[in-house]
Amino acid sequence: MKRECTTCCNFTAYYEKAYSCFLRTECGNCSKKRETTNRHASCENWSSRSRFKRDKYKVICALDEAICGISAIKLILEEERE
């Protein structure tokens, strides 16, 4: 995997307004350097975005618990209706 700024967790891309959408520009902000950088550049402060995968796992677990709770409420209401 290339260590470009595009895949760094410290990089936030800049977007420009187009007619019906936003287009990603060739540059963005590096929160470590506190300056504008090219998205294909790299530096010694590069770090992976893997922490976002863990956040997705937590969201999936929370949604699973919510679905179980809703299913239990559905069963109770169906039994009361009969």
PDB file of N, CA and C in Angstrom:
ATOM      1  N   MET A   1       0.843  -1.184   0.000  1.00  0.00           N
ATOM      2  CA  MET A   1       0.000   0.000   0.000  1.00  0.00           C
ATOM      3  C   MET A   1       0.889   1.248   0.000  1.00  0.00           C
ATOM      4  N   LYS A   2       0.551   2.190  -0.865  1.00  0.00           N
ATOM      5  CA  LYS A   2       1.310   3.433  -0.927  1.00  0.00           C
ATOM      6  C   LYS A   2       0.973   4.303   0.276  1.00  0.00           C
ATOM      7  N   ARG A   3       1.951   4.996   0.771  1.00  0.00           N
ATOM      8  CA  ARG A   3       1.744   5.883   1.914  1.00  0.00           C
ATOM      9  C   ARG A   3       1.528   7.310   1.424  1.00  0.00           C
ATOM     10  N   GLU A   4       0.439   7.501   0.688  1.00  0.00           N
ATOM     11  CA  GLU A   4       0.079   8.821   0.191  1.00  0.00           C
ATOM     12  C   GLU A   4      -0.812   9.519   1.201  1.00  0.00           C
ATOM     13  N   CYS A   5      -0.845  10.831   1.103  1.00  0.00           N
ATOM     14  CA  CYS A   5      -1.685  11.609   2.018  1.00  0.00           C
ATOM     15  C   CYS A   5      -3.163  11.236   1.899  1.00  0.00           C
ATOM     16  N   THR A   6      -3.585  10.799   0.724  1.00  0.00           N
ATOM     17  CA  THR A   6      -4.975  10.425   0.512  1.00  0.00           C
ATOM     18  C   THR A   6      -5.423   9.334   1.485  1.00  0.00           C
ATOM     19  N   THR A   7      -4.517   8.423   1.846  1.00  0.00           N
ATOM     20  CA  THR A   7      -4.879   7.308   2.726  1.00  0.00           C
ATOM     21  C   THR A   7      -4.459   7.540   4.179  1.00  0.00           C
ATOM     22  N   CYS A   8      -4.039   8.745   4.509  1.00  0.00           N
ATOM     23  CA  CYS A   8      -3.599   9.069   5.868  1.00  0.00           C
ATOM     24  C   CYS A   8      -4.778   9.572   6.699  1.00  0.00           C
ATOM     25  N   CYS A   9      -4.816   9.217   7.973  1.00  0.00           N
ATOM     26  CA  CYS A   9      -5.912   9.670   8.835  1.00  0.00           C
ATOM     27  C   CYS A   9      -5.768  11.142   9.226  1.00  0.00           C
ATOM     28  N   ASN A  10      -4.596  11.737   8.990  1.00  0.00           N
ATOM     29  CA  ASN A  10      -4.386  13.146   9.305  1.00  0.00           C
ATOM     30  C   ASN A  10      -4.795  14.064   8.155  1.00  0.00           C
ATOM     31  N   PHE A  11      -5.197  13.500   7.028  1.00  0.00           N
ATOM     32  CA  PHE A  11      -5.494  14.270   5.818  1.00  0.00           C
ATOM     33  C   PHE A  11      -6.993  14.458   5.655  1.00  0.00           C
ATOM     34  N   THR A  12      -7.401  15.698   5.376  1.00  0.00           N
ATOM     35  CA  THR A  12      -8.783  16.030   5.064  1.00  0.00           C
ATOM     36  C   THR A  12      -8.803  16.699   3.704  1.00  0.00           C
ATOM     37  N   ALA A  13      -9.515  16.109   2.763  1.00  0.00           N
ATOM     38  CA  ALA A  13      -9.519  16.612   1.392  1.00  0.00           C
ATOM     39  C   ALA A  13     -10.325  17.901   1.278  1.00  0.00           C
ATOM     40  N   TYR A  14      -9.935  18.721   0.318  1.00  0.00           N
ATOM     41  CA  TYR A  14     -10.691  19.913  -0.040  1.00  0.00           C
ATOM     42  C   TYR A  14     -11.613  19.569  -1.198  1.00  0.00           C
ATOM     43  N   TYR A  15     -12.815  20.113  -1.188  1.00  0.00           N
ATOM     44  CA  TYR A  15     -13.790  19.889  -2.253  1.00  0.00           C
ATOM     45  C   TYR A  15     -14.195  21.228  -2.834  1.00  0.00           C
ATOM     46  N   GLU A  16     -14.552  21.216  -4.119  1.00  0.00           N
ATOM     47  CA  GLU A  16     -15.066  22.429  -4.739  1.00  0.00           C
ATOM     48  C   GLU A  16     -16.469  22.164  -5.242  1.00  0.00           C
ATOM     49  N   LYS A  17     -17.295  23.205  -5.197  1.00  0.00           N
ATOM     50  CA  LYS A  17     -18.695  23.076  -5.591  1.00  0.00           C
ATOM     51  C   LYS A  17     -18.797  23.055  -7.103  1.00  0.00           C
ATOM     52  N   ALA A  18     -19.428  22.034  -7.645  1.00  0.00           N
ATOM     53  CA  ALA A  18     -19.716  21.938  -9.064  1.00  0.00           C
ATOM     54  C   ALA A  18     -21.209  22.209  -9.257  1.00  0.00           C
ATOM     55  N   TYR A  19     -21.690  22.002 -10.446  1.00  0.00           N
ATOM     56  CA  TYR A  19     -23.096  22.303 -10.746  1.00  0.00           C
ATOM     57  C   TYR A  19     -24.065  21.491  -9.896  1.00  0.00           C
ATOM     58  N   SER A  20     -23.836  20.177  -9.802  1.00  0.00           N
ATOM     59  CA  SER A  20     -24.792  19.346  -9.067  1.00  0.00           C
ATOM     60  C   SER A  20     -24.141  18.471  -7.996  1.00  0.00           C
ATOM     61  N   CYS A  21     -22.848  18.693  -7.714  1.00  0.00           N
ATOM     62  CA  CYS A  21     -22.165  17.870  -6.724  1.00  0.00           C
ATOM     63  C   CYS A  21     -20.894  18.576  -6.254  1.00  0.00           C
ATOM     64  N   PHE A  22     -20.177  17.931  -5.350  1.00  0.00           N
ATOM     65  CA  PHE A  22     -18.891  18.436  -4.897  1.00  0.00           C
ATOM     66  C   PHE A  22     -17.794  17.567  -5.505  1.00  0.00           C
ATOM     67  N   LEU A  23     -16.744  18.197  -6.031  1.00  0.00           N
ATOM     68  CA  LEU A  23     -15.629  17.485  -6.641  1.00  0.00           C
ATOM     69  C   LEU A  23     -14.413  17.575  -5.749  1.00  0.00           C
ATOM     70  N   ARG A  24     -13.700  16.475  -5.597  1.00  0.00           N
ATOM     71  CA  ARG A  24     -12.503  16.434  -4.766  1.00  0.00           C
ATOM     72  C   ARG A  24     -11.357  17.103  -5.507  1.00  0.00           C
ATOM     73  N   THR A  25     -10.630  17.962  -4.820  1.00  0.00           N
ATOM     74  CA  THR A  25      -9.495  18.646  -5.438  1.00  0.00           C
ATOM     75  C   THR A  25      -8.223  17.824  -5.259  1.00  0.00           C
ATOM     76  N   GLU A  26      -7.134  18.293  -5.818  1.00  0.00           N
ATOM     77  CA  GLU A  26      -5.849  17.602  -5.734  1.00  0.00           C
ATOM     78  C   GLU A  26      -5.103  17.907  -4.433  1.00  0.00           C
ATOM     79  N   CYS A  27      -5.690  18.705  -3.549  1.00  0.00           N
ATOM     80  CA  CYS A  27      -4.998  19.052  -2.307  1.00  0.00           C
ATOM     81  C   CYS A  27      -5.959  18.956  -1.124  1.00  0.00           C
ATOM     82  N   GLY A  28      -5.403  19.077   0.068  1.00  0.00           N
ATOM     83  CA  GLY A  28      -6.189  19.007   1.288  1.00  0.00           C
ATOM     84  C   GLY A  28      -5.376  19.502   2.467  1.00  0.00           C
ATOM     85  N   ASN A  29      -5.913  19.353   3.656  1.00  0.00           N
ATOM     86  CA  ASN A  29      -5.272  19.839   4.866  1.00  0.00           C
ATOM     87  C   ASN A  29      -4.655  18.685   5.649  1.00  0.00           C
ATOM     88  N   CYS A  30      -3.417  18.869   6.083  1.00  0.00           N
ATOM     89  CA  CYS A  30      -2.743  17.906   6.955  1.00  0.00           C
ATOM     90  C   CYS A  30      -2.828  18.452   8.376  1.00  0.00           C
ATOM     91  N   SER A  31      -3.477  17.708   9.271  1.00  0.00           N
ATOM     92  CA  SER A  31      -3.652  18.195  10.641  1.00  0.00           C
ATOM     93  C   SER A  31      -2.354  18.135  11.445  1.00  0.00           C
ATOM     94  N   LYS A  32      -1.404  17.307  11.054  1.00  0.00           N
ATOM     95  CA  LYS A  32      -0.108  17.246  11.749  1.00  0.00           C
ATOM     96  C   LYS A  32       0.783  18.414  11.354  1.00  0.00           C
ATOM     97  N   LYS A  33       0.885  18.661  10.054  1.00  0.00           N
ATOM     98  CA  LYS A  33       1.722  19.762   9.572  1.00  0.00           C
ATOM     99  C   LYS A  33       1.027  21.113   9.678  1.00  0.00           C
ATOM    100  N   ARG A  34      -0.303  21.084   9.746  1.00  0.00           N
ATOM    101  CA  ARG A  34      -1.130  22.299   9.753  1.00  0.00           C
ATOM    102  C   ARG A  34      -0.873  23.145   8.511  1.00  0.00           C
ATOM    103  N   GLU A  35      -0.918  22.481   7.361  1.00  0.00           N
ATOM    104  CA  GLU A  35      -0.727  23.173   6.094  1.00  0.00           C
ATOM    105  C   GLU A  35      -1.418  22.401   4.982  1.00  0.00           C
ATOM    106  N   THR A  36      -1.573  23.045   3.843  1.00  0.00           N
ATOM    107  CA  THR A  36      -2.155  22.423   2.674  1.00  0.00           C
ATOM    108  C   THR A  36      -1.120  21.546   1.980  1.00  0.00           C
ATOM    109  N   THR A  37      -1.518  20.323   1.648  1.00  0.00           N
ATOM    110  CA  THR A  37      -0.610  19.388   0.985  1.00  0.00           C
ATOM    111  C   THR A  37      -1.286  18.765  -0.217  1.00  0.00           C
ATOM    112  N   ASN A  38      -0.485  18.268  -1.143  1.00  0.00           N
ATOM    113  CA  ASN A  38      -0.981  17.539  -2.294  1.00  0.00           C
ATOM    114  C   ASN A  38      -1.441  16.168  -1.818  1.00  0.00           C
ATOM    115  N   ARG A  39      -2.526  15.652  -2.411  1.00  0.00           N
ATOM    116  CA  ARG A  39      -3.049  14.367  -1.918  1.00  0.00           C
ATOM    117  C   ARG A  39      -2.168  13.184  -2.288  1.00  0.00           C
ATOM    118  N   HIS A  40      -1.260  13.335  -3.254  1.00  0.00           N
ATOM    119  CA  HIS A  40      -0.352  12.252  -3.638  1.00  0.00           C
ATOM    120  C   HIS A  40       1.012  12.375  -2.954  1.00  0.00           C
ATOM    121  N   ALA A  41       1.175  13.351  -2.099  1.00  0.00           N
ATOM    122  CA  ALA A  41       2.434  13.510  -1.363  1.00  0.00           C
ATOM    123  C   ALA A  41       2.476  12.514  -0.201  1.00  0.00           C
ATOM    124  N   SER A  42       3.610  12.440   0.475  1.00  0.00           N
ATOM    125  CA  SER A  42       3.723  11.597   1.671  1.00  0.00           C
ATOM    126  C   SER A  42       4.728  12.249   2.627  1.00  0.00           C
ATOM    127  N   CYS A  43       4.681  11.824   3.887  1.00  0.00           N
ATOM    128  CA  CYS A  43       5.604  12.382   4.873  1.00  0.00           C
ATOM    129  C   CYS A  43       5.828  11.375   6.001  1.00  0.00           C
ATOM    130  N   GLU A  44       6.627  11.741   6.973  1.00  0.00           N
ATOM    131  CA  GLU A  44       6.945  10.859   8.092  1.00  0.00           C
ATOM    132  C   GLU A  44       5.793  10.766   9.104  1.00  0.00           C
ATOM    133  N   ASN A  45       4.790  11.640   9.015  1.00  0.00           N
ATOM    134  CA  ASN A  45       3.662  11.630   9.945  1.00  0.00           C
ATOM    135  C   ASN A  45       2.508  10.742   9.487  1.00  0.00           C
ATOM    136  N   TRP A  46       2.699   9.997   8.394  1.00  0.00           N
ATOM    137  CA  TRP A  46       1.628   9.179   7.832  1.00  0.00           C
ATOM    138  C   TRP A  46       1.186   8.117   8.831  1.00  0.00           C
ATOM    139  N   SER A  47      -0.136   7.949   8.955  1.00  0.00           N
ATOM    140  CA  SER A  47      -0.676   6.860   9.777  1.00  0.00           C
ATOM    141  C   SER A  47      -1.949   6.335   9.119  1.00  0.00           C
ATOM    142  N   SER A  48      -2.212   5.084   9.326  1.00  0.00           N
ATOM    143  CA  SER A  48      -3.302   4.388   8.650  1.00  0.00           C
ATOM    144  C   SER A  48      -4.663   4.849   9.145  1.00  0.00           C
ATOM    145  N   ARG A  49      -5.663   4.675   8.294  1.00  0.00           N
ATOM    146  CA  ARG A  49      -7.043   4.986   8.654  1.00  0.00           C
ATOM    147  C   ARG A  49      -7.747   3.779   9.269  1.00  0.00           C
ATOM    148  N   SER A  50      -7.026   2.802   9.754  1.00  0.00           N
ATOM    149  CA  SER A  50      -7.627   1.559  10.249  1.00  0.00           C
ATOM    150  C   SER A  50      -8.527   1.775  11.450  1.00  0.00           C
ATOM    151  N   ARG A  51      -8.355   2.870  12.172  1.00  0.00           N
ATOM    152  CA  ARG A  51      -9.195   3.102  13.351  1.00  0.00           C
ATOM    153  C   ARG A  51     -10.658   3.246  12.980  1.00  0.00           C
ATOM    154  N   PHE A  52     -10.965   3.656  11.731  1.00  0.00           N
ATOM    155  CA  PHE A  52     -12.342   3.802  11.299  1.00  0.00           C
ATOM    156  C   PHE A  52     -13.014   2.444  11.130  1.00  0.00           C
ATOM    157  N   LYS A  53     -12.260   1.400  10.836  1.00  0.00           N
ATOM    158  CA  LYS A  53     -12.831   0.072  10.726  1.00  0.00           C
ATOM    159  C   LYS A  53     -13.356  -0.393  12.076  1.00  0.00           C
ATOM    160  N   ARG A  54     -12.652  -0.077  13.140  1.00  0.00           N
ATOM    161  CA  ARG A  54     -13.126  -0.442  14.471  1.00  0.00           C
ATOM    162  C   ARG A  54     -14.412   0.301  14.804  1.00  0.00           C
ATOM    163  N   ASP A  55     -14.520   1.538  14.405  1.00  0.00           N
ATOM    164  CA  ASP A  55     -15.735   2.299  14.659  1.00  0.00           C
ATOM    165  C   ASP A  55     -16.921   1.681  13.910  1.00  0.00           C
ATOM    166  N   LYS A  56     -16.698   1.193  12.689  1.00  0.00           N
ATOM    167  CA  LYS A  56     -17.764   0.534  11.943  1.00  0.00           C
ATOM    168  C   LYS A  56     -18.226  -0.712  12.683  1.00  0.00           C
ATOM    169  N   TYR A  57     -17.296  -1.456  13.264  1.00  0.00           N
ATOM    170  CA  TYR A  57     -17.656  -2.661  14.012  1.00  0.00           C
ATOM    171  C   TYR A  57     -18.543  -2.296  15.205  1.00  0.00           C
ATOM    172  N   LYS A  58     -18.215  -1.223  15.904  1.00  0.00           N
ATOM    173  CA  LYS A  58     -19.034  -0.803  17.043  1.00  0.00           C
ATOM    174  C   LYS A  58     -20.433  -0.406  16.594  1.00  0.00           C
ATOM    175  N   VAL A  59     -20.532   0.248  15.454  1.00  0.00           N
ATOM    176  CA  VAL A  59     -21.840   0.647  14.933  1.00  0.00           C
ATOM    177  C   VAL A  59     -22.665  -0.581  14.582  1.00  0.00           C
ATOM    178  N   ILE A  60     -22.042  -1.563  13.948  1.00  0.00           N
ATOM    179  CA  ILE A  60     -22.753  -2.785  13.583  1.00  0.00           C
ATOM    180  C   ILE A  60     -23.247  -3.510  14.825  1.00  0.00           C
ATOM    181  N   CYS A  61     -22.433  -3.570  15.867  1.00  0.00           N
ATOM    182  CA  CYS A  61     -22.860  -4.213  17.121  1.00  0.00           C
ATOM    183  C   CYS A  61     -24.035  -3.471  17.756  1.00  0.00           C
ATOM    184  N   ALA A  62     -23.988  -2.151  17.747  1.00  0.00           N
ATOM    185  CA  ALA A  62     -25.077  -1.354  18.318  1.00  0.00           C
ATOM    186  C   ALA A  62     -26.364  -1.546  17.524  1.00  0.00           C
ATOM    187  N   LEU A  63     -26.248  -1.600  16.197  1.00  0.00           N
ATOM    188  CA  LEU A  63     -27.432  -1.835  15.371  1.00  0.00           C
ATOM    189  C   LEU A  63     -28.009  -3.230  15.614  1.00  0.00           C
ATOM    190  N   ASP A  64     -27.149  -4.207  15.813  1.00  0.00           N
ATOM    191  CA  ASP A  64     -27.603  -5.564  16.101  1.00  0.00           C
ATOM    192  C   ASP A  64     -28.395  -5.605  17.404  1.00  0.00           C
ATOM    193  N   GLU A  65     -27.910  -4.915  18.427  1.00  0.00           N
ATOM    194  CA  GLU A  65     -28.626  -4.852  19.702  1.00  0.00           C
ATOM    195  C   GLU A  65     -29.965  -4.148  19.543  1.00  0.00           C
ATOM    196  N   ALA A  66     -30.001  -3.079  18.743  1.00  0.00           N
ATOM    197  CA  ALA A  66     -31.249  -2.350  18.513  1.00  0.00           C
ATOM    198  C   ALA A  66     -32.262  -3.225  17.789  1.00  0.00           C
ATOM    199  N   ILE A  67     -31.805  -3.997  16.819  1.00  0.00           N
ATOM    200  CA  ILE A  67     -32.708  -4.890  16.085  1.00  0.00           C
ATOM    201  C   ILE A  67     -33.285  -5.948  17.025  1.00  0.00           C
ATOM    202  N   CYS A  68     -32.474  -6.484  17.916  1.00  0.00           N
ATOM    203  CA  CYS A  68     -32.970  -7.476  18.893  1.00  0.00           C
ATOM    204  C   CYS A  68     -34.029  -6.852  19.797  1.00  0.00           C
ATOM    205  N   GLY A  69     -33.796  -5.634  20.234  1.00  0.00           N
ATOM    206  CA  GLY A  69     -34.773  -4.943  21.080  1.00  0.00           C
ATOM    207  C   GLY A  69     -36.076  -4.683  20.361  1.00  0.00           C
ATOM    208  N   ILE A  70     -35.991  -4.257  19.120  1.00  0.00           N
ATOM    209  CA  ILE A  70     -37.201  -3.989  18.333  1.00  0.00           C
ATOM    210  C   ILE A  70     -37.960  -5.283  18.077  1.00  0.00           C
ATOM    211  N   SER A  71     -37.237  -6.360  17.813  1.00  0.00           N
ATOM    212  CA  SER A  71     -37.891  -7.656  17.586  1.00  0.00           C
ATOM    213  C   SER A  71     -38.644  -8.111  18.835  1.00  0.00           C
ATOM    214  N   ALA A  72     -38.053  -7.897  19.999  1.00  0.00           N
ATOM    215  CA  ALA A  72     -38.721  -8.276  21.250  1.00  0.00           C
ATOM    216  C   ALA A  72     -39.999  -7.462  21.445  1.00  0.00           C
ATOM    217  N   ILE A  73     -39.948  -6.173  21.176  1.00  0.00           N
ATOM    218  CA  ILE A  73     -41.141  -5.319  21.302  1.00  0.00           C
ATOM    219  C   ILE A  73     -42.200  -5.760  20.308  1.00  0.00           C
ATOM    220  N   LYS A  74     -41.793  -6.119  19.092  1.00  0.00           N
ATOM    221  CA  LYS A  74     -42.731  -6.581  18.066  1.00  0.00           C
ATOM    222  C   LYS A  74     -43.458  -7.842  18.531  1.00  0.00           C
ATOM    223  N   LEU A  75     -42.709  -8.784  19.116  1.00  0.00           N
ATOM    224  CA  LEU A  75     -43.338 -10.020  19.599  1.00  0.00           C
ATOM    225  C   LEU A  75     -44.353  -9.737  20.697  1.00  0.00           C
ATOM    226  N   ILE A  76     -44.017  -8.843  21.612  1.00  0.00           N
ATOM    227  CA  ILE A  76     -44.939  -8.492  22.706  1.00  0.00           C
ATOM    228  C   ILE A  76     -46.209  -7.874  22.155  1.00  0.00           C
ATOM    229  N   LEU A  77     -46.088  -6.949  21.217  1.00  0.00           N
ATOM    230  CA  LEU A  77     -47.259  -6.288  20.645  1.00  0.00           C
ATOM    231  C   LEU A  77     -48.114  -7.261  19.840  1.00  0.00           C
ATOM    232  N   GLU A  78     -47.478  -8.196  19.125  1.00  0.00           N
ATOM    233  CA  GLU A  78     -48.246  -9.189  18.362  1.00  0.00           C
ATOM    234  C   GLU A  78     -49.025 -10.107  19.291  1.00  0.00           C
ATOM    235  N   GLU A  79     -48.441 -10.493  20.434  1.00  0.00           N
ATOM    236  CA  GLU A  79     -49.138 -11.350  21.395  1.00  0.00           C
ATOM    237  C   GLU A  79     -50.311 -10.616  22.021  1.00  0.00           C
ATOM    238  N   GLU A  80     -50.179  -9.312  22.297  1.00  0.00           N
ATOM    239  CA  GLU A  80     -51.276  -8.543  22.864  1.00  0.00           C
ATOM    240  C   GLU A  80     -52.420  -8.394  21.867  1.00  0.00           C
ATOM    241  N   ARG A  81     -52.092  -8.295  20.580  1.00  0.00           N
ATOM    242  CA  ARG A  81     -53.110  -8.133  19.565  1.00  0.00           C
ATOM    243  C   ARG A  81     -53.955  -9.405  19.425  1.00  0.00           C
ATOM    244  N   GLU A  82     -53.351 -10.564  19.622  1.00  0.00           N
ATOM    245  CA  GLU A  82     -54.083 -11.836  19.499  1.00  0.00           C
ATOM    246  C   GLU A  82     -54.864 -12.114  20.719  1.00  0.00           C
TER     247      GLU A  82
END
